[in-house]
Amino acid sequence: MFWYQDDIKRLEEERKALKRQPATLFYGSSSIRLWTNLSSDFKEFDAVNIGFGGSTLAACTWYFDKVMDGRKPKRLVLYAGDNDLGDGRHPEEVFLFFQELAERVMKKFGPIPCYFISIKPSSNRWGIVDRFKFTNQIIRTEIETNRPNWHWIDIFDAMLNADSYPNAEYYTGDGLHLSEKGYMVWKNIIKKALNT
């Protein structure tokens, strides 16, 4: 996990520089980190971006206590798992990391509302899309069955075109990271979830 140290240090410095306690934390991998307009897109929720590049759900769990030290959010939004599967981890492993993270959230913040953004489809990783679907399925079931303060945000189908393939307009040239249009789709879906 040492390769995340620079990003973790950056997040610590940003937290210390912040003069307030943001109400909403967006935590996770580069899909969060690269969302440059996130704070303004979710201004009414007093949101801050604490994503770190290339992170896995395993890394988000590993660094949770360190990253969250001194923070007192009213809600947490999470996107991670994409890179775990891309690195060859199995869905069941990703599921266990989610369970561990959910326990850490409860221990640190209590039963605050938490939101898990489903793992997105992408042309770059379309060869393992069945793993993505299965991981989404088992995490969604866990949330709906055993995690009353967690909420499932499904963005998967919204990212597909009429042929049920990732819509190229929603991604950058690498077929993995989101374009401005892709973030617009996410913004609308996530806002609806936060408002219900």
Protein backbone atom coordinates (compact mmCIF):
# COMPACT_ATOMS: atom_id res chain seq x y z
CA MET A 1 0.00 0.00 0.00
CA PHE A 2 3.05 2.27 0.19
CA TRP A 3 2.45 3.69 -3.32
CA TYR A 4 -0.57 5.62 -1.99
CA GLN A 5 1.46 7.49 0.61
CA ASP A 6 1.77 10.75 -1.36
CA ASP A 7 -1.97 10.90 -1.95
CA ILE A 8 -2.72 10.11 1.69
CA LYS A 9 -0.33 12.85 2.81
CA ARG A 10 -2.06 15.29 0.41
CA LEU A 11 -5.46 14.43 1.91
CA GLU A 12 -4.12 14.99 5.42
CA GLU A 13 -2.73 18.39 4.46
CA GLU A 14 -5.99 19.39 2.77
CA ARG A 15 -7.94 18.39 5.88
CA LYS A 16 -5.69 20.47 8.13
CA ALA A 17 -6.03 23.47 5.81
CA LEU A 18 -9.83 23.25 5.77
CA LYS A 19 -11.41 25.60 8.32
CA ARG A 20 -14.71 23.75 8.53
CA GLN A 21 -16.13 20.24 8.86
CA PRO A 22 -17.73 19.35 5.49
CA ALA A 23 -21.09 17.61 5.80
CA THR A 24 -20.50 15.17 2.92
CA LEU A 25 -17.38 13.18 2.10
CA PHE A 26 -16.90 11.63 -1.33
CA TYR A 27 -14.33 8.86 -0.83
CA GLY A 28 -12.82 6.37 -3.26
CA SER A 29 -10.75 5.87 -6.37
CA SER A 30 -9.84 8.07 -9.34
CA SER A 31 -13.46 8.30 -10.49
CA ILE A 32 -13.89 10.43 -7.38
CA ARG A 33 -10.44 12.07 -7.35
CA LEU A 34 -10.72 13.27 -10.96
CA TRP A 35 -14.15 14.82 -10.38
CA THR A 36 -12.80 18.36 -10.40
CA ASN A 37 -16.22 20.03 -10.07
CA LEU A 38 -17.46 17.75 -7.31
CA SER A 39 -17.59 20.36 -4.55
CA SER A 40 -19.54 22.80 -6.71
CA ASP A 41 -21.73 20.03 -8.21
CA PHE A 42 -22.80 19.09 -4.67
CA LYS A 43 -22.56 22.52 -3.08
CA GLU A 44 -25.91 22.18 -1.36
CA PHE A 45 -24.57 19.09 0.44
CA ASP A 46 -21.37 20.85 1.57
CA ALA A 47 -19.29 18.16 -0.12
CA VAL A 48 -15.55 17.62 -0.26
CA ASN A 49 -13.55 15.30 -2.52
CA ILE A 50 -11.23 12.91 -0.66
CA GLY A 51 -10.62 10.41 -3.44
CA PHE A 52 -7.13 9.16 -4.15
CA GLY A 53 -5.85 8.02 -7.50
CA GLY A 54 -5.88 4.38 -8.50
CA SER A 55 -7.14 3.32 -5.11
CA THR A 56 -8.81 0.01 -4.52
CA LEU A 57 -11.55 -0.81 -2.04
CA ALA A 58 -8.79 -2.62 -0.18
CA ALA A 59 -6.77 0.62 0.01
CA CYS A 60 -9.81 2.65 1.02
CA THR A 61 -10.33 0.22 3.88
CA TRP A 62 -6.64 0.11 4.82
CA TYR A 63 -6.30 3.89 5.00
CA PHE A 64 -9.79 4.65 6.32
CA ASP A 65 -8.84 5.57 9.88
CA LYS A 66 -5.89 7.67 8.73
CA VAL A 67 -7.84 9.57 6.07
CA MET A 68 -10.87 10.08 8.31
CA ASP A 69 -8.92 11.25 11.36
CA GLY A 70 -10.41 14.51 12.61
CA ARG A 71 -13.38 14.40 10.24
CA LYS A 72 -17.03 14.50 11.36
CA PRO A 73 -19.23 14.04 8.29
CA LYS A 74 -23.01 13.81 8.22
CA ARG A 75 -22.87 11.46 5.23
CA LEU A 76 -20.37 9.43 3.21
CA VAL A 77 -20.43 8.60 -0.51
CA LEU A 78 -18.13 5.81 -1.70
CA TYR A 79 -16.92 4.64 -5.09
CA ALA A 80 -14.37 1.82 -5.15
CA GLY A 81 -13.96 -1.79 -6.25
CA ASP A 82 -13.35 -1.12 -9.92
CA ASN A 83 -9.57 -1.25 -9.56
CA ASP A 84 -9.63 -4.28 -7.27
CA LEU A 85 -11.32 -6.32 -9.99
CA GLY A 86 -9.06 -4.80 -12.65
CA ASP A 87 -6.07 -5.97 -10.59
CA GLY A 88 -7.36 -9.53 -10.58
CA ARG A 89 -9.13 -9.73 -7.23
CA HIS A 90 -12.26 -11.86 -7.06
CA PRO A 91 -15.72 -10.43 -6.32
CA GLU A 92 -15.81 -12.21 -2.96
CA GLU A 93 -12.62 -10.44 -1.90
CA VAL A 94 -14.07 -7.05 -2.86
CA PHE A 95 -17.21 -7.94 -0.90
CA LEU A 96 -15.14 -8.67 2.22
CA PHE A 97 -13.36 -5.33 1.89
CA PHE A 98 -16.76 -3.62 1.69
CA GLN A 99 -17.93 -5.38 4.85
CA GLU A 100 -14.77 -4.34 6.69
CA LEU A 101 -15.09 -0.74 5.52
CA ALA A 102 -18.74 -0.60 6.56
CA GLU A 103 -17.74 -1.79 10.04
CA ARG A 104 -15.02 0.87 10.26
CA VAL A 105 -17.47 3.58 9.23
CA MET A 106 -19.91 2.48 11.93
CA LYS A 107 -17.19 2.36 14.58
CA LYS A 108 -15.86 5.83 13.72
CA PHE A 109 -18.98 7.78 12.74
CA GLY A 110 -21.94 5.76 13.97
CA PRO A 111 -24.98 5.09 11.73
CA ILE A 112 -24.58 8.09 9.42
CA PRO A 113 -26.17 7.72 5.95
CA CYS A 114 -23.68 6.08 3.58
CA TYR A 115 -23.96 5.60 -0.16
CA PHE A 116 -22.20 3.02 -2.33
CA ILE A 117 -21.99 3.92 -6.02
CA SER A 118 -22.20 0.74 -8.08
CA ILE A 119 -19.08 -0.30 -9.95
CA LYS A 120 -19.31 1.24 -13.41
CA PRO A 121 -19.04 -0.61 -16.72
CA SER A 122 -16.19 0.44 -19.00
CA SER A 123 -14.92 -0.65 -22.41
CA ASN A 124 -11.42 -0.88 -20.94
CA ARG A 125 -12.54 -3.67 -18.57
CA TRP A 126 -15.44 -5.10 -20.54
CA GLY A 127 -13.71 -8.48 -20.63
CA ILE A 128 -14.45 -8.91 -16.92
CA VAL A 129 -17.88 -7.27 -16.88
CA ASP A 130 -19.43 -10.43 -15.39
CA ARG A 131 -17.22 -9.94 -12.32
CA PHE A 132 -18.39 -6.35 -12.10
CA LYS A 133 -22.03 -7.40 -12.27
CA PHE A 134 -21.59 -10.13 -9.67
CA THR A 135 -19.71 -7.81 -7.29
CA ASN A 136 -22.46 -5.22 -7.65
CA GLN A 137 -25.07 -7.88 -6.96
CA ILE A 138 -23.52 -9.20 -3.75
CA ILE A 139 -22.72 -5.76 -2.33
CA ARG A 140 -26.22 -4.52 -3.17
CA THR A 141 -27.74 -7.54 -1.42
CA GLU A 142 -25.56 -6.93 1.64
CA ILE A 143 -26.64 -3.28 1.77
CA GLU A 144 -30.34 -4.02 1.34
CA THR A 145 -30.29 -6.93 3.79
CA ASN A 146 -27.80 -6.08 6.52
CA ARG A 147 -26.75 -2.42 6.31
CA PRO A 148 -29.74 -0.17 7.15
CA ASN A 149 -27.70 3.05 7.06
CA TRP A 150 -26.18 2.23 3.65
CA HIS A 151 -27.86 3.07 0.35
CA TRP A 152 -27.23 1.60 -3.08
CA ILE A 153 -26.72 4.01 -6.00
CA ASP A 154 -26.99 2.20 -9.33
CA ILE A 155 -25.18 3.95 -12.18
CA PHE A 156 -24.37 0.81 -14.20
CA ASP A 157 -27.21 0.75 -16.75
CA ALA A 158 -27.16 4.53 -17.17
CA MET A 159 -23.60 4.30 -18.50
CA LEU A 160 -24.58 1.94 -21.34
CA ASN A 161 -25.71 2.79 -24.86
CA ALA A 162 -28.63 1.30 -26.81
CA ASP A 163 -26.50 -1.78 -27.57
CA SER A 164 -25.88 -2.39 -23.83
CA TYR A 165 -22.21 -1.45 -24.22
CA PRO A 166 -20.44 1.39 -22.39
CA ASN A 167 -21.40 4.71 -23.99
CA ALA A 168 -18.18 6.18 -25.39
CA GLU A 169 -19.46 9.72 -24.75
CA TYR A 170 -19.30 9.09 -21.02
CA TYR A 171 -15.62 8.14 -20.97
CA THR A 172 -12.27 9.67 -21.80
CA GLY A 173 -10.05 8.19 -24.51
CA ASP A 174 -8.77 5.43 -22.22
CA GLY A 175 -12.24 3.89 -22.03
CA LEU A 176 -12.00 3.81 -18.24
CA HIS A 177 -12.18 7.28 -16.70
CA LEU A 178 -15.24 9.50 -16.92
CA SER A 179 -15.71 12.38 -19.32
CA GLU A 180 -17.59 15.57 -18.46
CA LYS A 181 -20.78 13.99 -19.82
CA GLY A 182 -20.15 10.90 -17.72
CA TYR A 183 -19.86 12.98 -14.58
CA MET A 184 -23.09 14.75 -15.48
CA VAL A 185 -24.86 11.37 -15.52
CA TRP A 186 -23.37 10.51 -12.13
CA LYS A 187 -24.24 13.89 -10.68
CA ASN A 188 -27.91 13.59 -11.58
CA ILE A 189 -28.25 10.04 -10.24
CA ILE A 190 -26.31 10.69 -7.04
CA LYS A 191 -28.20 13.92 -6.30
CA LYS A 192 -31.48 12.08 -6.62
CA ALA A 193 -30.25 9.44 -4.17
CA LEU A 194 -29.03 12.02 -1.65
CA ASN A 195 -32.33 13.85 -1.80
CA THR A 196 -34.49 10.80 -1.04
